N, C-alpha and C. Protein backbone atom coordinates (compact mmCIF):
# COMPACT_ATOMS: atom_id res chain seq x y z
N MET A 1 13.36 -20.42 10.77
CA MET A 1 11.90 -20.28 10.12
C MET A 1 11.12 -21.35 10.65
N ALA A 2 9.74 -20.94 10.89
CA ALA A 2 8.75 -21.93 11.22
C ALA A 2 7.63 -22.05 10.18
N PHE A 3 7.88 -22.81 9.20
CA PHE A 3 6.87 -22.82 8.12
C PHE A 3 5.76 -23.76 8.66
N LYS A 4 4.52 -23.21 8.25
CA LYS A 4 3.32 -24.08 8.73
C LYS A 4 2.47 -24.31 7.40
N LYS A 5 2.05 -25.51 7.31
CA LYS A 5 1.18 -25.89 6.22
C LYS A 5 -0.17 -25.12 6.25
N VAL A 6 -0.56 -24.52 5.12
CA VAL A 6 -1.69 -23.65 5.16
C VAL A 6 -2.82 -24.36 4.10
N CYS A 7 -2.43 -25.03 3.12
CA CYS A 7 -3.36 -25.50 2.18
C CYS A 7 -2.57 -26.58 1.31
N SER A 8 -3.33 -27.18 0.44
CA SER A 8 -2.72 -27.93 -0.73
C SER A 8 -2.96 -27.25 -1.94
N LEU A 9 -2.17 -27.61 -3.04
CA LEU A 9 -2.43 -26.97 -4.40
C LEU A 9 -3.78 -27.32 -4.97
N GLU A 10 -4.45 -28.39 -4.37
CA GLU A 10 -5.82 -28.81 -4.91
C GLU A 10 -6.82 -27.77 -4.45
N GLU A 11 -6.42 -26.89 -3.37
CA GLU A 11 -7.33 -25.85 -2.90
C GLU A 11 -7.11 -24.47 -3.42
N LEU A 12 -6.02 -24.36 -4.27
CA LEU A 12 -5.70 -23.18 -4.84
C LEU A 12 -5.24 -23.30 -6.28
N TRP A 13 -6.01 -22.79 -7.23
CA TRP A 13 -5.71 -23.07 -8.73
C TRP A 13 -5.04 -21.72 -9.22
N GLU A 14 -4.36 -21.97 -10.29
CA GLU A 14 -3.63 -20.85 -11.11
C GLU A 14 -4.87 -19.93 -11.40
N GLY A 15 -4.49 -18.59 -11.13
CA GLY A 15 -5.53 -17.63 -11.58
C GLY A 15 -6.51 -17.38 -10.31
N ASP A 16 -6.25 -17.92 -9.03
CA ASP A 16 -7.22 -18.00 -7.93
C ASP A 16 -6.38 -17.38 -6.81
N MET A 17 -7.27 -17.03 -5.78
CA MET A 17 -6.77 -16.61 -4.54
C MET A 17 -7.54 -17.19 -3.40
N THR A 18 -7.00 -17.31 -2.13
CA THR A 18 -7.68 -17.70 -0.93
C THR A 18 -7.08 -17.07 0.25
N SER A 19 -7.74 -17.04 1.35
CA SER A 19 -7.30 -16.31 2.49
C SER A 19 -7.10 -17.41 3.63
N VAL A 20 -5.97 -17.30 4.40
CA VAL A 20 -5.69 -18.21 5.60
C VAL A 20 -5.27 -17.22 6.70
N GLU A 21 -5.27 -17.85 7.85
CA GLU A 21 -4.86 -17.25 9.08
C GLU A 21 -3.74 -18.21 9.61
N VAL A 22 -2.63 -17.49 9.84
CA VAL A 22 -1.44 -18.27 10.19
C VAL A 22 -0.72 -17.35 11.50
N ASP A 23 -0.81 -17.96 12.76
CA ASP A 23 -0.14 -17.06 13.87
C ASP A 23 -0.73 -15.80 14.07
N GLY A 24 -2.09 -15.66 14.01
CA GLY A 24 -2.73 -14.44 14.01
C GLY A 24 -2.64 -13.43 12.74
N HIS A 25 -1.93 -13.86 11.78
CA HIS A 25 -1.68 -13.02 10.51
C HIS A 25 -2.82 -13.48 9.53
N GLU A 26 -3.47 -12.49 8.90
CA GLU A 26 -4.43 -12.78 7.83
C GLU A 26 -3.48 -12.79 6.59
N ILE A 27 -3.46 -13.87 5.92
CA ILE A 27 -2.69 -14.13 4.73
C ILE A 27 -3.42 -14.28 3.52
N LEU A 28 -3.15 -13.59 2.37
CA LEU A 28 -3.80 -13.83 1.11
C LEU A 28 -2.77 -14.74 0.16
N LEU A 29 -3.32 -15.90 -0.34
CA LEU A 29 -2.40 -16.62 -1.11
C LEU A 29 -2.98 -16.30 -2.41
N VAL A 30 -2.14 -16.02 -3.42
CA VAL A 30 -2.63 -15.87 -4.90
C VAL A 30 -1.72 -16.62 -5.58
N TRP A 31 -2.19 -17.03 -6.75
CA TRP A 31 -1.52 -17.79 -7.84
C TRP A 31 -1.74 -17.07 -9.13
N PRO A 32 -0.82 -16.10 -9.40
CA PRO A 32 -1.02 -15.44 -10.62
C PRO A 32 -0.87 -16.25 -11.95
N GLU A 33 -1.66 -15.93 -12.89
CA GLU A 33 -1.56 -16.68 -14.16
C GLU A 33 -0.19 -16.61 -14.85
N GLY A 34 0.40 -17.77 -15.05
CA GLY A 34 1.69 -17.87 -15.62
C GLY A 34 2.83 -17.67 -14.48
N GLY A 35 2.50 -17.50 -13.19
CA GLY A 35 3.52 -17.16 -12.15
C GLY A 35 3.50 -18.25 -11.06
N GLU A 36 4.17 -17.91 -9.95
CA GLU A 36 4.14 -18.79 -8.79
C GLU A 36 3.25 -18.36 -7.71
N VAL A 37 2.92 -19.26 -6.89
CA VAL A 37 1.97 -18.82 -5.63
C VAL A 37 2.71 -17.87 -4.82
N LYS A 38 2.15 -17.01 -4.35
CA LYS A 38 2.57 -15.95 -3.47
C LYS A 38 1.76 -15.83 -2.21
N ALA A 39 2.39 -15.34 -1.12
CA ALA A 39 1.68 -15.11 0.21
C ALA A 39 1.93 -13.59 0.52
N TYR A 40 0.79 -12.89 0.65
CA TYR A 40 0.80 -11.40 1.06
C TYR A 40 -0.06 -11.15 2.18
N GLN A 41 0.24 -10.04 2.83
CA GLN A 41 -0.73 -9.63 3.92
C GLN A 41 -2.08 -9.71 3.22
N GLY A 42 -3.11 -10.15 4.22
CA GLY A 42 -4.37 -10.30 3.65
C GLY A 42 -5.29 -9.14 3.75
N ILE A 43 -4.71 -7.97 4.39
CA ILE A 43 -5.41 -6.71 4.70
C ILE A 43 -4.77 -5.69 3.77
N CYS A 44 -5.75 -4.86 3.21
CA CYS A 44 -5.29 -3.81 2.37
C CYS A 44 -4.64 -2.79 3.16
N PRO A 45 -3.50 -2.37 2.70
CA PRO A 45 -2.75 -1.27 3.55
C PRO A 45 -3.42 0.03 3.65
N HIS A 46 -4.59 0.29 3.01
CA HIS A 46 -5.21 1.51 3.04
C HIS A 46 -6.08 1.70 4.13
N GLN A 47 -7.12 0.83 4.37
CA GLN A 47 -8.11 1.02 5.55
C GLN A 47 -8.46 -0.31 6.08
N ASP A 48 -7.61 -1.34 6.14
CA ASP A 48 -7.81 -2.61 6.99
C ASP A 48 -9.06 -3.40 6.24
N ILE A 49 -9.25 -3.33 5.04
CA ILE A 49 -10.26 -4.20 4.35
C ILE A 49 -9.62 -5.50 4.04
N PRO A 50 -10.25 -6.65 4.21
CA PRO A 50 -9.84 -7.87 3.77
C PRO A 50 -9.68 -7.98 2.34
N LEU A 51 -8.50 -8.22 1.81
CA LEU A 51 -8.34 -8.20 0.29
C LEU A 51 -9.18 -9.46 -0.26
N ILE A 52 -9.37 -10.51 0.40
CA ILE A 52 -10.20 -11.76 0.00
C ILE A 52 -11.52 -11.24 -0.58
N GLU A 53 -11.96 -10.07 -0.03
CA GLU A 53 -13.41 -9.57 -0.42
C GLU A 53 -13.37 -8.81 -1.71
N GLY A 54 -12.14 -8.48 -2.24
CA GLY A 54 -11.95 -7.84 -3.51
C GLY A 54 -11.97 -8.77 -4.65
N LYS A 55 -11.33 -8.35 -5.76
CA LYS A 55 -11.28 -9.02 -7.03
C LYS A 55 -9.92 -9.47 -7.36
N PHE A 56 -9.69 -10.53 -8.03
CA PHE A 56 -8.41 -11.08 -8.69
C PHE A 56 -8.65 -11.56 -10.08
N ASP A 57 -8.00 -10.74 -11.03
CA ASP A 57 -8.25 -11.23 -12.36
C ASP A 57 -7.13 -12.07 -12.93
N GLY A 58 -6.38 -12.64 -12.05
CA GLY A 58 -5.39 -13.48 -12.45
C GLY A 58 -4.04 -12.73 -12.51
N LYS A 59 -3.96 -11.54 -12.49
CA LYS A 59 -2.71 -10.67 -12.60
C LYS A 59 -2.75 -9.62 -11.55
N VAL A 60 -3.97 -8.89 -11.24
CA VAL A 60 -4.12 -7.78 -10.48
C VAL A 60 -5.07 -7.97 -9.28
N LEU A 61 -4.74 -7.67 -8.00
CA LEU A 61 -5.60 -7.61 -6.89
C LEU A 61 -6.25 -6.31 -6.81
N THR A 62 -7.55 -6.34 -6.59
CA THR A 62 -8.22 -5.11 -6.36
C THR A 62 -9.00 -5.07 -5.08
N CYS A 63 -8.83 -4.05 -4.20
CA CYS A 63 -9.47 -4.05 -2.99
C CYS A 63 -10.95 -3.46 -3.24
N ARG A 64 -11.98 -4.09 -2.58
CA ARG A 64 -13.24 -3.71 -2.90
C ARG A 64 -13.67 -2.42 -2.34
N ALA A 65 -13.06 -1.83 -1.44
CA ALA A 65 -13.47 -0.60 -0.91
C ALA A 65 -13.17 0.61 -1.69
N HIS A 66 -11.84 0.84 -2.02
CA HIS A 66 -11.55 1.99 -2.60
C HIS A 66 -10.70 1.78 -3.97
N GLN A 67 -10.78 0.51 -4.49
CA GLN A 67 -10.24 0.07 -5.70
C GLN A 67 -8.72 0.09 -5.80
N TRP A 68 -7.95 0.07 -4.65
CA TRP A 68 -6.62 0.11 -4.64
C TRP A 68 -6.24 -1.26 -5.34
N GLN A 69 -5.19 -1.27 -6.22
CA GLN A 69 -4.73 -2.40 -7.03
C GLN A 69 -3.30 -2.67 -6.64
N PHE A 70 -2.99 -3.97 -6.79
CA PHE A 70 -1.59 -4.46 -6.52
C PHE A 70 -1.30 -5.53 -7.63
N ASP A 71 -0.09 -5.61 -8.08
CA ASP A 71 0.51 -6.56 -8.88
C ASP A 71 0.65 -7.90 -8.15
N ALA A 72 0.04 -8.89 -8.60
CA ALA A 72 -0.13 -10.14 -7.73
C ALA A 72 1.27 -10.90 -7.96
N CYS A 73 2.16 -10.64 -8.85
CA CYS A 73 3.50 -11.24 -8.89
C CYS A 73 4.37 -10.47 -8.05
N THR A 74 4.36 -9.37 -7.75
CA THR A 74 5.27 -8.52 -6.81
C THR A 74 4.70 -7.94 -5.54
N GLY A 75 3.44 -7.73 -5.56
CA GLY A 75 2.79 -7.08 -4.30
C GLY A 75 2.90 -5.67 -4.41
N LYS A 76 3.52 -5.04 -5.33
CA LYS A 76 3.67 -3.64 -5.42
C LYS A 76 2.36 -2.92 -5.97
N GLY A 77 2.12 -1.79 -5.27
CA GLY A 77 0.92 -0.99 -5.78
C GLY A 77 0.90 -0.55 -7.14
N ILE A 78 -0.14 -0.62 -7.91
CA ILE A 78 -0.53 -0.11 -9.25
C ILE A 78 -1.28 1.23 -9.19
N ASN A 79 -2.25 1.24 -8.25
CA ASN A 79 -2.99 2.30 -7.95
C ASN A 79 -3.42 2.48 -6.51
N PRO A 80 -2.69 3.23 -5.71
CA PRO A 80 -1.71 4.07 -6.03
C PRO A 80 -0.35 3.28 -6.16
N ASP A 81 0.67 3.94 -6.79
CA ASP A 81 1.95 3.07 -6.94
C ASP A 81 2.94 3.31 -5.77
N ASP A 82 2.61 4.02 -4.84
CA ASP A 82 3.54 4.34 -3.74
C ASP A 82 3.29 3.34 -2.48
N CYS A 83 2.70 2.25 -2.73
CA CYS A 83 2.34 1.34 -1.56
C CYS A 83 2.76 -0.12 -2.01
N VAL A 84 2.90 -1.02 -0.89
CA VAL A 84 3.19 -2.42 -1.31
C VAL A 84 2.47 -3.29 -0.21
N LEU A 85 2.29 -4.52 -0.70
CA LEU A 85 1.95 -5.62 0.28
C LEU A 85 3.12 -6.29 0.85
N ALA A 86 3.12 -6.49 2.25
CA ALA A 86 4.25 -7.37 2.85
C ALA A 86 4.00 -8.80 2.28
N GLU A 87 5.16 -9.39 2.06
CA GLU A 87 5.14 -10.75 1.35
C GLU A 87 5.66 -11.71 2.53
N TYR A 88 4.95 -12.73 2.64
CA TYR A 88 5.53 -13.83 3.64
C TYR A 88 6.26 -14.91 2.77
N PRO A 89 7.30 -15.53 3.38
CA PRO A 89 8.05 -16.56 2.88
C PRO A 89 7.07 -17.85 2.66
N LEU A 90 7.18 -18.38 1.47
CA LEU A 90 6.31 -19.51 1.12
C LEU A 90 7.23 -20.52 0.52
N LYS A 91 6.88 -21.85 0.71
CA LYS A 91 7.47 -22.94 0.05
C LYS A 91 6.37 -24.07 -0.24
N ILE A 92 6.61 -24.76 -1.29
CA ILE A 92 5.76 -25.76 -1.70
C ILE A 92 6.56 -27.19 -1.70
N GLU A 93 6.04 -28.04 -0.93
CA GLU A 93 6.56 -29.48 -0.88
C GLU A 93 5.57 -30.45 -1.35
N GLY A 94 5.85 -30.98 -2.50
CA GLY A 94 4.81 -31.93 -3.10
C GLY A 94 3.66 -31.03 -3.52
N GLU A 95 2.49 -31.36 -2.88
CA GLU A 95 1.27 -30.64 -3.17
C GLU A 95 0.94 -29.62 -1.99
N ASP A 96 1.69 -29.64 -1.03
CA ASP A 96 1.48 -28.83 0.25
C ASP A 96 2.03 -27.47 0.19
N VAL A 97 1.34 -26.36 0.55
CA VAL A 97 1.75 -25.10 0.57
C VAL A 97 2.03 -24.66 2.07
N PHE A 98 3.28 -24.13 2.27
CA PHE A 98 3.66 -23.73 3.65
C PHE A 98 4.13 -22.37 3.72
N VAL A 99 3.69 -21.56 4.74
CA VAL A 99 4.06 -20.07 4.93
C VAL A 99 4.68 -19.98 6.28
N ASP A 100 5.64 -18.91 6.32
CA ASP A 100 6.32 -18.59 7.55
C ASP A 100 5.94 -17.11 7.87
N THR A 101 5.49 -16.80 9.11
CA THR A 101 5.14 -15.42 9.49
C THR A 101 6.19 -14.74 10.24
N GLU A 102 7.35 -15.58 10.68
CA GLU A 102 8.16 -14.90 11.45
C GLU A 102 9.10 -13.75 10.94
N GLY A 103 9.00 -12.57 11.65
CA GLY A 103 9.61 -11.37 11.24
C GLY A 103 8.98 -10.62 10.26
N VAL A 104 7.65 -10.94 9.82
CA VAL A 104 6.94 -10.34 8.75
C VAL A 104 5.84 -9.44 9.47
N THR A 105 5.73 -8.08 9.26
CA THR A 105 4.79 -7.22 9.69
C THR A 105 4.03 -6.58 8.48
N PRO A 106 2.72 -6.66 8.53
CA PRO A 106 1.93 -6.07 7.59
C PRO A 106 2.26 -4.58 7.42
N LEU A 107 2.12 -4.01 6.06
CA LEU A 107 2.49 -2.73 5.91
C LEU A 107 1.25 -1.81 5.69
N PHE A 108 1.29 -0.57 6.14
CA PHE A 108 0.16 0.36 6.00
C PHE A 108 0.62 1.59 5.40
N ALA A 109 -0.32 2.07 4.46
CA ALA A 109 0.15 3.31 3.71
C ALA A 109 -0.59 4.43 4.06
N HIS A 110 -0.44 5.55 3.41
CA HIS A 110 -1.23 6.80 3.63
C HIS A 110 -2.69 6.45 3.59
N THR A 111 -3.54 7.36 4.10
CA THR A 111 -4.99 7.13 3.88
C THR A 111 -5.56 8.07 2.93
């Protein structure tokens, strides 16, 4: 695994999201309220819209284009419930956040 530093925890607060690019992958970092930092594909699986342009209420990610929603703790679709976001391995060392893209392919759903 080739973890790469993407940010520090000072740049991402609980209940917040940010977007980073690693090895050509658009990755959305989210820190759900009461949960752990997660790294998901940064593109909505519906129609290639950057999820950073959507909304995050601390628990649910909502794509701006067609209001697709995802559980920020699991990446599973809420609306519709038959889709999921690809999750990237993530680790935190001290205040630094690292992500590994090896072997992860963004997922795409029905249109």
